[in-house]
């Protein structure tokens, strides 16, 4: 019975469910929690994020390189994830459990330490989990299916991590909410690992030394263009998630308990729309489908500018869901083709280092998002929940619509410079 489920898209997708529930709760509510609820200044919050990115620049590519070179009877990726599970649980709880009655500088210090710890452990898991995709699933058709299933699970996780989170922290507090999500993460990740079996031939292949590995990766032009485009779009994902609670409060002017309805409008709509994008992408060249997803996403953020209340906010959220669904499904397909091309050229499968460097480029979107938040906040005078400035409504209209439209336009322009020869293999 177990053999039937080994390396199937559904079992692999449990890892996405595991990681995205706490990750989405983190990305959606950590700024709101520290800045608007606890009163940490926006400048200090941005500084903490910047320091983390410097640390992330060092650890992420190295984790990928070490993962590729790991040799054990359990595989290259699974041992890393097993070790990281309890550390991730601890770090996530720490983010949402600062001691009470701290000074602003004390709160900043706690936030910075917790953020560095959380992101380092999350990097280990994301690098190794993501590296498994190209190894387990070969060919455009099976990858389109695996990506659609994975993103379907991701949308469920996004829905839980955003729409359910306000209920939980209002009912039991942020710290207890974090404990619940940490336990859920461990259960789902262990289910995933139970049914993942790595290819022993992939780990047996020779791996280049550190200098050669990075030189080969960093000289790959399509890889850079794809991930630069993805990073700007990923910035939009993070910006929308982080801005929605502020958008609900200052633009739509709805009660905090109605945040769940607004968030659900985005993520519930994505679930069936992932199926629509799967149907489209399996019939298209991966690069063209990926580019189309950027165009759809850019158009979909425009209606958010016109939100005035819960009803039209929900309608705008459903429209955003269509663009978001396309971007969630398409990137794994083009990234996997890049890894295949590298394997043909070098004779070794280096999913770890490609996933890690890709992750670092895309995670730089966090800095872009934080800087956009800071710049727009300064322009319109927003500092924190204690000092929202003279026009917080305009602050968050720009952050949720105009800034995302600009970023996605950059992604579209970059995508037109990407050229990848389509593989004739479409095996399932």
Foldseek 3Di string as FASTA:
>chain_A
DLQVQFLALQLLLLLLLLLLLLVLLCLQPLCCCVFFPVNQWLVLVLVLLVVLLVVLVPQLLVLLQQLLQDDDPQHSQVVLLVVLLVQLLVLSLQSFDDDPPDDSVSSSVSNSVSVNSNVNSSSSNQLSSLLVLLQSADFLLRLLVSLLSSVLSSLVSNLNNFLVVVVVCVVPNRNVSSNVSSVSSNVSNVSSSSRYGGDNVQSPWDDDDPVVVVVVLVVDVLLVLLLLLLLLLLLLVSLQSHLLQLLVCAAQNDDSNCSSVLSCLQSVLLNVLLVVLSVVCSPDQLLVLLLVLLVQLLVLLAQLLVRHHDPSSSVSSSSNNNSVSSNSSRSSSVLSLVQVVVCVVPVHRSSSSSSSVSVSSNVCSVSVNSVLLVVLCVVQVQIGSVTGHDRVNVSSSCSRHVSSSVSSVVSSVSSVPNDDDGDPGRDD
